[in-house]
Amino acid sequence: MLDFMLESVHTWQDHGYLATYTKKNGSFANLRIYPHGLVLLDLQSYDGDVQGKEEIDSILNKVEERMKELSQDSTGRVKRLPPIVRGGAIDRYWLTADGRLVEYDIDEVQFGNILILSGDVNLAESDLAYTRSIMGSGEEDYTGKDVLILGGGDGGILCEIVKLKPKMVTTVEIDQMVIDGCKKYMQKTCGDVLDNLKGDCYQVLIEDCIPVLKRYAKEGR
């Protein structure tokens, strides 16, 4: 029905059934049936082997119909997962900090690595103009001054200000994971200032900024 020919079948008395089906063009399907009733079907094909999403959907529709016929409509639930593209020129899949896999709509590299927080793009390696605009676009003189940066875990502002000979720069960032990620993936933005959390004219505090502000206010800073 699906123009597949049977390649191999494996059965295990206590572990179910596995069948591999192949097409002449090299596409193949793995069918795994577990004793407790779970059925998994994986289809793999090279981009040029199928006629797009329509052919895949047609195959899956036929499989679902056949499964219902064989189970006499006792199939509890059928769940399709979207296709995963492998071997593309650009890797569009990235793990989140809590282990979830997220697909981003990325077709080409334009802005370098990006920092994504809570699903939103926060900063790209190409955003130096944005960083400098926050600093005052060259209108502010930081020489010999004490500077406080709140939430600057990407290290971008810190990296630029330490070049301007300040007295001391204090960056307060609540999330160590942001610092670790930027130190590893955003070095075009942060340089080496996050390699050590304390330097000759700067320090990075890993804590909530509110207590820091209250403490500095009491000190009259």
N, C-alpha and C. Protein backbone atom coordinates (compact mmCIF):
# COMPACT_ATOMS: atom_id res chain seq x y z
N MET A 1 0.82 -1.21 0.00
CA MET A 1 0.00 0.00 0.00
C MET A 1 0.85 1.26 0.00
N LEU A 2 1.99 1.22 0.74
CA LEU A 2 2.81 2.41 0.88
C LEU A 2 4.07 2.33 0.02
N ASP A 3 4.12 1.33 -0.89
CA ASP A 3 5.26 1.19 -1.78
C ASP A 3 6.56 0.94 -1.02
N PHE A 4 6.47 0.31 0.14
CA PHE A 4 7.66 -0.11 0.87
C PHE A 4 7.85 -1.61 0.67
N MET A 5 9.08 -2.07 0.75
CA MET A 5 9.31 -3.51 0.76
C MET A 5 9.94 -3.88 2.10
N LEU A 6 9.59 -5.03 2.62
CA LEU A 6 10.02 -5.44 3.95
C LEU A 6 11.51 -5.77 3.93
N GLU A 7 12.24 -5.20 4.87
CA GLU A 7 13.67 -5.45 4.97
C GLU A 7 13.99 -6.46 6.06
N SER A 8 13.50 -6.22 7.26
CA SER A 8 13.82 -7.14 8.35
C SER A 8 12.78 -7.03 9.45
N VAL A 9 12.63 -8.13 10.20
CA VAL A 9 11.68 -8.18 11.31
C VAL A 9 12.38 -8.81 12.50
N HIS A 10 12.19 -8.21 13.66
CA HIS A 10 12.74 -8.76 14.90
C HIS A 10 11.61 -8.86 15.92
N THR A 11 11.54 -9.98 16.59
CA THR A 11 10.54 -10.14 17.65
C THR A 11 11.24 -10.59 18.92
N TRP A 12 10.73 -10.11 20.05
CA TRP A 12 11.23 -10.50 21.36
C TRP A 12 10.05 -10.91 22.21
N GLN A 13 10.16 -12.02 22.86
CA GLN A 13 9.03 -12.57 23.60
C GLN A 13 8.45 -11.58 24.60
N ASP A 14 9.32 -10.87 25.29
CA ASP A 14 8.84 -9.96 26.33
C ASP A 14 9.02 -8.49 25.98
N HIS A 15 9.52 -8.21 24.78
CA HIS A 15 9.86 -6.82 24.46
C HIS A 15 9.24 -6.31 23.17
N GLY A 16 8.35 -7.07 22.57
CA GLY A 16 7.63 -6.55 21.42
C GLY A 16 8.22 -6.91 20.08
N TYR A 17 8.08 -5.97 19.14
CA TYR A 17 8.27 -6.26 17.72
C TYR A 17 8.93 -5.06 17.05
N LEU A 18 9.87 -5.33 16.15
CA LEU A 18 10.52 -4.27 15.38
C LEU A 18 10.59 -4.68 13.93
N ALA A 19 10.14 -3.80 13.05
CA ALA A 19 10.22 -4.07 11.61
C ALA A 19 10.82 -2.85 10.92
N THR A 20 11.68 -3.11 9.94
CA THR A 20 12.29 -2.06 9.14
C THR A 20 11.84 -2.23 7.70
N TYR A 21 11.31 -1.15 7.12
CA TYR A 21 10.83 -1.17 5.74
C TYR A 21 11.65 -0.17 4.93
N THR A 22 12.00 -0.54 3.70
CA THR A 22 12.79 0.35 2.86
C THR A 22 12.11 0.55 1.51
N LYS A 23 12.41 1.70 0.89
CA LYS A 23 11.99 1.96 -0.48
C LYS A 23 13.21 1.87 -1.39
N LYS A 24 12.97 1.74 -2.66
CA LYS A 24 14.07 1.62 -3.61
C LYS A 24 14.95 2.86 -3.64
N ASN A 25 14.39 4.02 -3.26
CA ASN A 25 15.17 5.25 -3.29
C ASN A 25 15.97 5.47 -2.00
N GLY A 26 15.92 4.52 -1.06
CA GLY A 26 16.71 4.64 0.16
C GLY A 26 15.94 5.13 1.36
N SER A 27 14.73 5.63 1.17
CA SER A 27 13.91 6.01 2.31
C SER A 27 13.54 4.77 3.10
N PHE A 28 13.34 4.93 4.40
CA PHE A 28 12.98 3.76 5.20
C PHE A 28 12.10 4.15 6.38
N ALA A 29 11.46 3.14 6.94
CA ALA A 29 10.59 3.33 8.09
C ALA A 29 10.89 2.26 9.13
N ASN A 30 10.90 2.67 10.39
CA ASN A 30 11.04 1.74 11.50
C ASN A 30 9.72 1.67 12.26
N LEU A 31 9.20 0.47 12.42
CA LEU A 31 7.96 0.27 13.17
C LEU A 31 8.30 -0.51 14.44
N ARG A 32 8.02 0.11 15.58
CA ARG A 32 8.33 -0.52 16.87
C ARG A 32 7.03 -0.65 17.66
N ILE A 33 6.71 -1.89 18.06
CA ILE A 33 5.50 -2.17 18.82
C ILE A 33 5.91 -2.75 20.17
N TYR A 34 5.44 -2.12 21.24
CA TYR A 34 5.78 -2.56 22.59
C TYR A 34 4.64 -3.38 23.18
N PRO A 35 4.95 -4.28 24.10
CA PRO A 35 3.92 -5.17 24.66
C PRO A 35 2.77 -4.43 25.33
N HIS A 36 3.03 -3.25 25.91
CA HIS A 36 1.96 -2.55 26.62
C HIS A 36 1.07 -1.73 25.68
N GLY A 37 1.35 -1.78 24.36
CA GLY A 37 0.45 -1.15 23.41
C GLY A 37 0.99 0.07 22.70
N LEU A 38 2.16 0.57 23.08
CA LEU A 38 2.74 1.73 22.41
C LEU A 38 3.28 1.32 21.05
N VAL A 39 2.92 2.09 20.02
CA VAL A 39 3.39 1.85 18.66
C VAL A 39 4.13 3.09 18.17
N LEU A 40 5.37 2.94 17.75
CA LEU A 40 6.18 4.05 17.25
C LEU A 40 6.52 3.80 15.79
N LEU A 41 6.33 4.82 14.96
CA LEU A 41 6.69 4.74 13.55
C LEU A 41 7.56 5.93 13.20
N ASP A 42 8.77 5.66 12.73
CA ASP A 42 9.71 6.71 12.32
C ASP A 42 9.95 6.58 10.82
N LEU A 43 9.80 7.69 10.10
CA LEU A 43 10.09 7.73 8.67
C LEU A 43 11.31 8.61 8.44
N GLN A 44 12.24 8.13 7.63
CA GLN A 44 13.41 8.92 7.30
C GLN A 44 13.61 8.92 5.80
N SER A 45 13.93 10.09 5.26
CA SER A 45 14.19 10.19 3.83
C SER A 45 15.04 11.41 3.56
N TYR A 46 15.79 11.34 2.48
CA TYR A 46 16.55 12.50 2.03
C TYR A 46 15.59 13.47 1.37
N ASP A 47 15.92 14.74 1.42
CA ASP A 47 15.01 15.77 0.93
C ASP A 47 14.56 15.52 -0.50
N GLY A 48 15.44 14.96 -1.33
CA GLY A 48 15.08 14.75 -2.72
C GLY A 48 14.31 13.47 -2.98
N ASP A 49 14.09 12.66 -1.91
CA ASP A 49 13.44 11.36 -2.09
C ASP A 49 11.92 11.43 -2.01
N VAL A 50 11.38 12.53 -1.51
CA VAL A 50 9.94 12.66 -1.36
C VAL A 50 9.47 13.93 -2.03
N GLN A 51 8.20 14.00 -2.28
CA GLN A 51 7.62 15.17 -2.94
C GLN A 51 7.09 16.17 -1.92
N GLY A 52 7.85 16.37 -0.87
CA GLY A 52 7.46 17.38 0.10
C GLY A 52 6.55 16.85 1.19
N LYS A 53 6.03 17.80 1.95
CA LYS A 53 5.20 17.48 3.11
C LYS A 53 3.94 16.71 2.72
N GLU A 54 3.41 16.96 1.53
CA GLU A 54 2.17 16.32 1.11
C GLU A 54 2.34 14.80 1.04
N GLU A 55 3.48 14.33 0.53
CA GLU A 55 3.68 12.89 0.43
C GLU A 55 3.81 12.27 1.81
N ILE A 56 4.54 12.93 2.70
CA ILE A 56 4.69 12.42 4.06
C ILE A 56 3.33 12.34 4.74
N ASP A 57 2.54 13.41 4.63
CA ASP A 57 1.22 13.42 5.24
C ASP A 57 0.35 12.30 4.68
N SER A 58 0.45 12.06 3.37
CA SER A 58 -0.34 11.00 2.75
C SER A 58 0.04 9.64 3.31
N ILE A 59 1.34 9.40 3.47
CA ILE A 59 1.80 8.13 4.03
C ILE A 59 1.29 7.95 5.45
N LEU A 60 1.43 9.00 6.27
CA LEU A 60 1.00 8.91 7.66
C LEU A 60 -0.51 8.73 7.78
N ASN A 61 -1.26 9.38 6.91
CA ASN A 61 -2.72 9.20 6.93
C ASN A 61 -3.10 7.75 6.64
N LYS A 62 -2.43 7.15 5.67
CA LYS A 62 -2.71 5.76 5.33
C LYS A 62 -2.33 4.83 6.48
N VAL A 63 -1.22 5.13 7.14
CA VAL A 63 -0.79 4.31 8.28
C VAL A 63 -1.82 4.39 9.39
N GLU A 64 -2.29 5.59 9.69
CA GLU A 64 -3.30 5.76 10.74
C GLU A 64 -4.58 5.00 10.41
N GLU A 65 -5.01 5.10 9.16
CA GLU A 65 -6.23 4.39 8.75
C GLU A 65 -6.05 2.88 8.90
N ARG A 66 -4.88 2.38 8.48
CA ARG A 66 -4.64 0.94 8.56
C ARG A 66 -4.56 0.48 10.02
N MET A 67 -3.94 1.30 10.87
CA MET A 67 -3.84 0.94 12.29
C MET A 67 -5.23 0.84 12.92
N LYS A 68 -6.10 1.76 12.56
CA LYS A 68 -7.46 1.73 13.10
C LYS A 68 -8.22 0.51 12.61
N GLU A 69 -7.98 0.13 11.34
CA GLU A 69 -8.64 -1.06 10.81
C GLU A 69 -8.18 -2.31 11.57
N LEU A 70 -6.87 -2.40 11.78
CA LEU A 70 -6.32 -3.58 12.44
C LEU A 70 -6.70 -3.65 13.91
N SER A 71 -6.84 -2.50 14.53
CA SER A 71 -7.18 -2.48 15.97
C SER A 71 -8.67 -2.37 16.19
N GLN A 72 -9.45 -2.37 15.10
CA GLN A 72 -10.91 -2.25 15.18
C GLN A 72 -11.32 -1.01 15.97
N ASP A 73 -10.64 0.12 15.62
CA ASP A 73 -10.92 1.43 16.21
C ASP A 73 -10.67 1.50 17.71
N SER A 74 -9.84 0.58 18.23
CA SER A 74 -9.54 0.62 19.67
C SER A 74 -8.28 1.43 19.98
N THR A 75 -7.68 2.03 18.93
CA THR A 75 -6.50 2.86 19.15
C THR A 75 -6.87 4.06 20.02
N GLY A 76 -6.19 4.19 21.16
CA GLY A 76 -6.55 5.24 22.11
C GLY A 76 -6.19 6.63 21.63
N ARG A 77 -4.99 6.81 21.10
CA ARG A 77 -4.56 8.15 20.73
C ARG A 77 -3.44 8.05 19.71
N VAL A 78 -3.47 8.94 18.73
CA VAL A 78 -2.41 9.00 17.72
C VAL A 78 -1.79 10.39 17.78
N LYS A 79 -0.48 10.46 17.92
CA LYS A 79 0.22 11.73 18.03
C LYS A 79 1.31 11.80 16.99
N ARG A 80 1.25 12.85 16.15
CA ARG A 80 2.30 13.07 15.16
C ARG A 80 3.25 14.16 15.66
N LEU A 81 4.53 13.91 15.51
CA LEU A 81 5.52 14.93 15.81
C LEU A 81 5.98 15.57 14.50
N PRO A 82 6.28 16.85 14.50
CA PRO A 82 6.73 17.51 13.27
C PRO A 82 8.06 16.93 12.80
N PRO A 83 8.32 16.96 11.51
CA PRO A 83 9.58 16.40 10.99
C PRO A 83 10.78 17.20 11.48
N ILE A 84 11.86 16.49 11.74
CA ILE A 84 13.13 17.12 12.12
C ILE A 84 14.08 17.07 10.93
N VAL A 85 14.60 18.22 10.56
CA VAL A 85 15.53 18.31 9.43
C VAL A 85 16.95 18.13 9.95
N ARG A 86 17.65 17.16 9.40
CA ARG A 86 19.01 16.88 9.83
C ARG A 86 19.99 17.18 8.70
N GLY A 87 21.17 17.60 9.07
CA GLY A 87 22.21 17.81 8.07
C GLY A 87 22.05 19.09 7.28
N GLY A 88 21.26 20.05 7.78
CA GLY A 88 21.12 21.32 7.08
C GLY A 88 22.36 22.19 7.20
N ALA A 89 22.45 23.18 6.34
CA ALA A 89 23.60 24.09 6.38
C ALA A 89 23.63 24.88 7.68
N ILE A 90 22.44 25.18 8.24
CA ILE A 90 22.32 25.92 9.49
C ILE A 90 21.60 25.04 10.50
N ASP A 91 22.16 24.90 11.69
CA ASP A 91 21.52 24.12 12.74
C ASP A 91 20.39 24.95 13.35
N ARG A 92 19.15 24.53 13.15
CA ARG A 92 18.01 25.30 13.64
C ARG A 92 17.47 24.79 14.97
N TYR A 93 18.04 23.72 15.50
CA TYR A 93 17.55 23.14 16.76
C TYR A 93 18.55 23.40 17.88
N TRP A 94 18.03 23.91 18.99
CA TRP A 94 18.89 24.21 20.13
C TRP A 94 18.20 23.79 21.41
N LEU A 95 19.00 23.28 22.33
CA LEU A 95 18.47 22.89 23.64
C LEU A 95 18.33 24.12 24.53
N THR A 96 17.22 24.18 25.26
CA THR A 96 17.06 25.23 26.26
C THR A 96 17.80 24.82 27.52
N ALA A 97 17.89 25.75 28.47
CA ALA A 97 18.63 25.48 29.70
C ALA A 97 18.01 24.33 30.49
N ASP A 98 16.69 24.10 30.32
CA ASP A 98 16.04 23.01 31.06
C ASP A 98 15.87 21.75 30.22
N GLY A 99 16.59 21.67 29.09
CA GLY A 99 16.65 20.43 28.34
C GLY A 99 15.63 20.28 27.22
N ARG A 100 14.76 21.26 27.01
CA ARG A 100 13.79 21.17 25.91
C ARG A 100 14.47 21.49 24.58
N LEU A 101 13.97 20.86 23.51
CA LEU A 101 14.50 21.11 22.18
C LEU A 101 13.61 22.12 21.47
N VAL A 102 14.21 23.20 21.00
CA VAL A 102 13.45 24.28 20.36
C VAL A 102 13.96 24.46 18.94
N GLU A 103 13.02 24.62 18.00
CA GLU A 103 13.38 24.90 16.61
C GLU A 103 13.20 26.39 16.34
N TYR A 104 14.26 27.01 15.86
CA TYR A 104 14.21 28.43 15.53
C TYR A 104 14.18 28.61 14.02
N ASP A 105 13.53 29.67 13.58
CA ASP A 105 13.38 29.95 12.15
C ASP A 105 14.64 30.66 11.66
N ILE A 106 15.71 29.90 11.50
CA ILE A 106 17.00 30.44 11.09
C ILE A 106 17.38 29.83 9.75
N ASP A 107 17.60 30.68 8.76
CA ASP A 107 17.95 30.21 7.42
C ASP A 107 19.40 30.49 7.06
N GLU A 108 19.99 31.54 7.65
CA GLU A 108 21.37 31.88 7.35
C GLU A 108 21.98 32.64 8.52
N VAL A 109 23.30 32.61 8.59
CA VAL A 109 24.01 33.31 9.66
C VAL A 109 24.21 34.76 9.23
N GLN A 110 23.57 35.69 9.97
CA GLN A 110 23.70 37.11 9.66
C GLN A 110 24.28 37.90 10.83
N PHE A 111 23.87 37.55 12.04
CA PHE A 111 24.20 38.37 13.20
C PHE A 111 25.06 37.63 14.22
N GLY A 112 25.62 36.49 13.86
CA GLY A 112 26.43 35.74 14.81
C GLY A 112 25.57 35.03 15.83
N ASN A 113 26.18 34.63 16.93
CA ASN A 113 25.43 33.97 18.00
C ASN A 113 24.49 34.96 18.67
N ILE A 114 23.40 34.43 19.22
CA ILE A 114 22.41 35.28 19.89
C ILE A 114 22.11 34.73 21.27
N LEU A 115 21.79 35.64 22.17
CA LEU A 115 21.37 35.28 23.52
C LEU A 115 19.85 35.30 23.57
N ILE A 116 19.24 34.17 23.93
CA ILE A 116 17.79 34.06 24.01
C ILE A 116 17.41 33.83 25.46
N LEU A 117 16.57 34.70 26.00
CA LEU A 117 16.10 34.59 27.38
C LEU A 117 14.59 34.48 27.38
N SER A 118 14.07 33.44 28.00
CA SER A 118 12.62 33.21 28.08
C SER A 118 11.97 33.21 26.70
N GLY A 119 12.68 32.68 25.71
CA GLY A 119 12.13 32.57 24.37
C GLY A 119 12.28 33.79 23.49
N ASP A 120 12.82 34.89 24.03
CA ASP A 120 12.96 36.13 23.27
C ASP A 120 14.43 36.40 22.98
N VAL A 121 14.71 36.90 21.77
CA VAL A 121 16.07 37.28 21.43
C VAL A 121 16.46 38.50 22.26
N ASN A 122 17.53 38.37 23.04
CA ASN A 122 17.96 39.45 23.93
C ASN A 122 19.11 40.25 23.34
N LEU A 123 20.06 39.57 22.73
CA LEU A 123 21.25 40.26 22.23
C LEU A 123 21.94 39.38 21.20
N ALA A 124 22.49 40.00 20.16
CA ALA A 124 23.28 39.29 19.16
C ALA A 124 24.72 39.78 19.20
N GLU A 125 25.62 38.97 18.69
CA GLU A 125 27.03 39.38 18.67
C GLU A 125 27.26 40.62 17.82
N SER A 126 26.35 40.90 16.92
CA SER A 126 26.49 42.06 16.04
C SER A 126 25.90 43.33 16.63
N ASP A 127 25.44 43.29 17.88
CA ASP A 127 24.71 44.43 18.47
C ASP A 127 25.61 45.41 19.20
N LEU A 128 26.83 45.62 18.72
CA LEU A 128 27.73 46.57 19.38
C LEU A 128 27.16 47.98 19.37
N ALA A 129 26.50 48.37 18.28
CA ALA A 129 25.91 49.71 18.21
C ALA A 129 24.84 49.90 19.28
N TYR A 130 24.08 48.84 19.54
CA TYR A 130 23.06 48.89 20.60
C TYR A 130 23.72 49.06 21.96
N THR A 131 24.78 48.29 22.20
CA THR A 131 25.50 48.39 23.47
C THR A 131 26.05 49.80 23.67
N ARG A 132 26.66 50.35 22.64
CA ARG A 132 27.26 51.69 22.76
C ARG A 132 26.20 52.77 22.93
N SER A 133 25.02 52.54 22.34
CA SER A 133 23.95 53.54 22.52
C SER A 133 23.47 53.56 23.97
N ILE A 134 23.43 52.40 24.63
CA ILE A 134 23.07 52.36 26.05
C ILE A 134 24.10 53.12 26.87
N MET A 135 25.35 53.08 26.45
CA MET A 135 26.43 53.75 27.18
C MET A 135 26.47 55.25 26.91
N GLY A 136 25.65 55.72 25.97
CA GLY A 136 25.63 57.15 25.69
C GLY A 136 26.25 57.55 24.38
N SER A 137 26.58 56.59 23.56
CA SER A 137 27.11 56.85 22.20
C SER A 137 28.31 57.78 22.22
N GLY A 138 29.19 57.59 23.20
CA GLY A 138 30.41 58.39 23.25
C GLY A 138 30.28 59.73 23.94
N GLU A 139 29.08 60.09 24.38
CA GLU A 139 28.85 61.39 25.02
C GLU A 139 29.19 61.36 26.51
N GLU A 140 29.26 60.17 27.10
CA GLU A 140 29.52 60.05 28.54
C GLU A 140 30.99 59.71 28.78
N ASP A 141 31.60 60.43 29.73
CA ASP A 141 33.00 60.18 30.08
C ASP A 141 33.04 59.28 31.32
N TYR A 142 33.56 58.07 31.17
CA TYR A 142 33.61 57.11 32.27
C TYR A 142 34.96 57.10 32.99
N THR A 143 35.87 57.93 32.57
CA THR A 143 37.21 57.93 33.15
C THR A 143 37.18 58.21 34.65
N GLY A 144 37.76 57.30 35.43
CA GLY A 144 37.86 57.49 36.87
C GLY A 144 36.56 57.41 37.64
N LYS A 145 35.50 56.92 37.03
CA LYS A 145 34.18 56.89 37.68
C LYS A 145 33.83 55.49 38.18
N ASP A 146 32.95 55.45 39.19
CA ASP A 146 32.34 54.19 39.62
C ASP A 146 31.08 53.96 38.80
N VAL A 147 30.94 52.77 38.24
CA VAL A 147 29.82 52.46 37.34
C VAL A 147 29.11 51.21 37.86
N LEU A 148 27.79 51.25 37.89
CA LEU A 148 26.97 50.10 38.30
C LEU A 148 26.13 49.64 37.12
N ILE A 149 26.24 48.36 36.76
CA ILE A 149 25.46 47.77 35.67
C ILE A 149 24.53 46.73 36.27
N LEU A 150 23.24 46.89 36.04
CA LEU A 150 22.25 45.95 36.58
C LEU A 150 21.80 44.99 35.48
N GLY A 151 21.94 43.70 35.72
CA GLY A 151 21.49 42.70 34.76
C GLY A 151 22.34 42.60 33.53
N GLY A 152 23.62 42.87 33.64
CA GLY A 152 24.50 42.85 32.48
C GLY A 152 25.27 41.56 32.34
N GLY A 153 24.59 40.43 32.50
CA GLY A 153 25.26 39.14 32.47
C GLY A 153 25.86 38.76 31.14
N ASP A 154 25.46 39.43 30.05
CA ASP A 154 26.06 39.14 28.75
C ASP A 154 27.47 39.70 28.65
N GLY A 155 27.82 40.64 29.52
CA GLY A 155 29.18 41.18 29.55
C GLY A 155 29.47 42.21 28.49
N GLY A 156 28.48 42.56 27.65
CA GLY A 156 28.73 43.49 26.56
C GLY A 156 29.08 44.90 27.02
N ILE A 157 28.25 45.46 27.90
CA ILE A 157 28.51 46.82 28.40
C ILE A 157 29.78 46.82 29.24
N LEU A 158 29.95 45.81 30.07
CA LEU A 158 31.14 45.73 30.91
C LEU A 158 32.40 45.71 30.05
N CYS A 159 32.39 44.93 28.99
CA CYS A 159 33.56 44.81 28.12
C CYS A 159 33.93 46.15 27.50
N GLU A 160 32.92 46.93 27.12
CA GLU A 160 33.18 48.23 26.48
C GLU A 160 33.62 49.28 27.49
N ILE A 161 33.02 49.27 28.68
CA ILE A 161 33.33 50.32 29.66
C ILE A 161 34.74 50.16 30.23
N VAL A 162 35.19 48.92 30.44
CA VAL A 162 36.53 48.75 31.01
C VAL A 162 37.61 49.29 30.07
N LYS A 163 37.28 49.47 28.80
CA LYS A 163 38.24 50.06 27.85
C LYS A 163 38.39 51.56 28.06
N LEU A 164 37.45 52.17 28.81
CA LEU A 164 37.41 53.63 28.96
C LEU A 164 37.99 54.10 30.29
N LYS A 165 38.77 53.26 30.95
CA LYS A 165 39.53 53.59 32.16
C LYS A 165 38.66 54.08 33.32
N PRO A 166 37.62 53.33 33.68
CA PRO A 166 36.82 53.72 34.85
C PRO A 166 37.58 53.39 36.14
N LYS A 167 37.11 53.94 37.26
CA LYS A 167 37.69 53.59 38.55
C LYS A 167 37.29 52.18 38.94
N MET A 168 36.00 51.88 38.91
CA MET A 168 35.49 50.54 39.23
C MET A 168 34.13 50.35 38.58
N VAL A 169 33.94 49.20 37.95
CA VAL A 169 32.65 48.84 37.36
C VAL A 169 32.12 47.62 38.11
N THR A 170 30.90 47.72 38.61
CA THR A 170 30.25 46.60 39.28
C THR A 170 29.06 46.14 38.45
N THR A 171 29.09 44.90 38.01
CA THR A 171 27.96 44.31 37.28
C THR A 171 27.22 43.36 38.22
N VAL A 172 25.90 43.50 38.29
CA VAL A 172 25.08 42.64 39.13
C VAL A 172 24.18 41.80 38.23
N GLU A 173 24.34 40.50 38.28
CA GLU A 173 23.57 39.56 37.46
C GLU A 173 23.05 38.45 38.35
N ILE A 174 21.75 38.20 38.30
CA ILE A 174 21.13 37.22 39.19
C ILE A 174 21.32 35.78 38.72
N ASP A 175 21.60 35.60 37.42
CA ASP A 175 21.59 34.25 36.84
C ASP A 175 22.99 33.84 36.39
N GLN A 176 23.59 32.93 37.13
CA GLN A 176 24.92 32.43 36.77
C GLN A 176 24.91 31.77 35.40
N MET A 177 23.77 31.17 35.02
CA MET A 177 23.68 30.46 33.75
C MET A 177 23.84 31.41 32.57
N VAL A 178 23.35 32.64 32.70
CA VAL A 178 23.52 33.63 31.64
C VAL A 178 25.00 33.93 31.44
N ILE A 179 25.70 34.13 32.54
CA ILE A 179 27.14 34.41 32.47
C ILE A 179 27.89 33.24 31.85
N ASP A 180 27.59 32.04 32.29
CA ASP A 180 28.28 30.86 31.76
C ASP A 180 28.02 30.69 30.27
N GLY A 181 26.76 30.91 29.85
CA GLY A 181 26.43 30.77 28.43
C GLY A 181 27.11 31.81 27.57
N CYS A 182 27.12 33.06 28.03
CA CYS A 182 27.74 34.13 27.24
C CYS A 182 29.26 33.98 27.21
N LYS A 183 29.83 33.54 28.31
CA LYS A 183 31.28 33.31 28.35
C LYS A 183 31.68 32.26 27.32
N LYS A 184 30.80 31.29 27.07
CA LYS A 184 31.11 30.21 26.14
C LYS A 184 30.76 30.56 24.70
N TYR A 185 29.61 31.22 24.49
CA TYR A 185 29.09 31.39 23.13
C TYR A 185 29.10 32.83 22.62
N MET A 186 29.34 33.82 23.48
CA MET A 186 29.21 35.23 23.06
C MET A 186 30.51 36.00 23.30
N GLN A 187 31.65 35.40 23.01
CA GLN A 187 32.91 36.07 23.31
C GLN A 187 33.17 37.26 22.40
N LYS A 188 32.52 37.33 21.25
CA LYS A 188 32.63 38.53 20.43
C LYS A 188 31.98 39.72 21.12
N THR A 189 31.06 39.44 22.04
CA THR A 189 30.38 40.49 22.79
C THR A 189 31.09 40.80 24.10
N CYS A 190 31.43 39.78 24.86
CA CYS A 190 31.96 39.99 26.21
C CYS A 190 33.48 39.96 26.30
N GLY A 191 34.15 39.57 25.22
CA GLY A 191 35.60 39.48 25.30
C GLY A 191 36.02 38.47 26.36
N ASP A 192 36.97 38.87 27.22
CA ASP A 192 37.43 37.96 28.27
C ASP A 192 37.02 38.42 29.66
N VAL A 193 36.10 39.41 29.76
CA VAL A 193 35.77 39.96 31.08
C VAL A 193 34.99 38.98 31.95
N LEU A 194 34.36 37.98 31.33
CA LEU A 194 33.61 37.00 32.12
C LEU A 194 34.44 35.77 32.47
N ASP A 195 35.68 35.72 31.97
CA ASP A 195 36.54 34.58 32.31
C ASP A 195 36.84 34.57 33.80
N ASN A 196 36.98 35.76 34.37
CA ASN A 196 37.15 35.94 35.81
C ASN A 196 36.13 36.98 36.26
N LEU A 197 35.49 36.73 37.38
CA LEU A 197 34.44 37.64 37.85
C LEU A 197 35.00 38.85 38.60
N LYS A 198 36.31 38.98 38.63
CA LYS A 198 36.92 40.14 39.26
C LYS A 198 38.20 40.50 38.53
N GLY A 199 38.33 41.78 38.17
CA GLY A 199 39.52 42.26 37.49
C GLY A 199 40.07 43.49 38.17
N ASP A 200 41.03 44.14 37.54
CA ASP A 200 41.67 45.32 38.13
C ASP A 200 40.68 46.46 38.36
N CYS A 201 39.70 46.60 37.47
CA CYS A 201 38.77 47.72 37.59
C CYS A 201 37.31 47.28 37.49
N TYR A 202 37.04 46.01 37.72
CA TYR A 202 35.64 45.56 37.65
C TYR A 202 35.41 44.35 38.54
N GLN A 203 34.14 44.13 38.86
CA GLN A 203 33.71 42.93 39.58
C GLN A 203 32.31 42.56 39.10
N VAL A 204 32.02 41.27 39.10
CA VAL A 204 30.70 40.77 38.72
C VAL A 204 30.11 40.06 39.93
N LEU A 205 28.96 40.55 40.39
CA LEU A 205 28.28 39.98 41.54
C LEU A 205 27.12 39.11 41.07
N ILE A 206 27.05 37.87 41.54
CA ILE A 206 25.96 36.97 41.19
C ILE A 206 24.93 37.04 42.30
N GLU A 207 24.00 37.97 42.18
CA GLU A 207 22.97 38.14 43.20
C GLU A 207 21.87 39.05 42.69
N ASP A 208 20.80 39.15 43.47
CA ASP A 208 19.68 40.02 43.15
C ASP A 208 20.12 41.47 43.30
N CYS A 209 19.74 42.31 42.34
CA CYS A 209 20.20 43.70 42.37
C CYS A 209 19.52 44.53 43.46
N ILE A 210 18.33 44.14 43.92
CA ILE A 210 17.61 44.95 44.91
C ILE A 210 18.39 45.08 46.22
N PRO A 211 18.86 43.98 46.82
CA PRO A 211 19.68 44.13 48.03
C PRO A 211 20.95 44.95 47.78
N VAL A 212 21.52 44.82 46.60
CA VAL A 212 22.73 45.58 46.28
C VAL A 212 22.41 47.07 46.26
N LEU A 213 21.30 47.44 45.62
CA LEU A 213 20.91 48.85 45.57
C LEU A 213 20.64 49.40 46.97
N LYS A 214 19.96 48.62 47.80
CA LYS A 214 19.69 49.06 49.17
C LYS A 214 20.98 49.23 49.96
N ARG A 215 21.92 48.31 49.75
CA ARG A 215 23.19 48.39 50.46
C ARG A 215 23.99 49.62 50.02
N TYR A 216 24.01 49.86 48.73
CA TYR A 216 24.73 51.03 48.23
C TYR A 216 24.07 52.33 48.67
N ALA A 217 22.74 52.33 48.77
CA ALA A 217 22.03 53.53 49.23
C ALA A 217 22.40 53.85 50.67
N LYS A 218 22.48 52.82 51.51
CA LYS A 218 22.88 53.03 52.90
C LYS A 218 24.30 53.56 53.01
N GLU A 219 25.14 53.14 52.06
CA GLU A 219 26.53 53.58 52.06
C GLU A 219 26.68 54.97 51.45
N GLY A 220 25.57 55.50 50.91
CA GLY A 220 25.62 56.83 50.30
C GLY A 220 26.32 56.87 48.96
N ARG A 221 26.31 55.76 48.27
CA ARG A 221 26.98 55.70 46.97
C ARG A 221 26.04 56.09 45.83
